[in-house]
Amino acid sequence: MDLKKQPYNLTPYKQRVKDKFKQYLKLAMSCRLLEKYQIELQLIKDAQERGWQKEIDRHTNVAQRVKQIIRDLGGE
């Protein structure tokens, strides 16, 4: 008797629903991340106007990371 667990196979319908959900989730995440990216760019501009180098560096790093995540999700 083989006690190994058999892989759980979804029906084709359930697999399509799961795939669609992943697509919607990816889209929602991308939209939020794009908003975050735009906010970071605004904060960089504000910090530049005020001459706050530490804040410029911080927001630049965050913006770069957000942009990388967007690329990883398949955007841009």
Foldseek 3Di string as FASTA:
>chain_A
DDPDDDDDDDDPVVVVVVVVVVVVVLVVLLVVLVVLLVVLVVQLVVCVVVVPVVSNVVSVVVNVVSVVVSVVSPHD
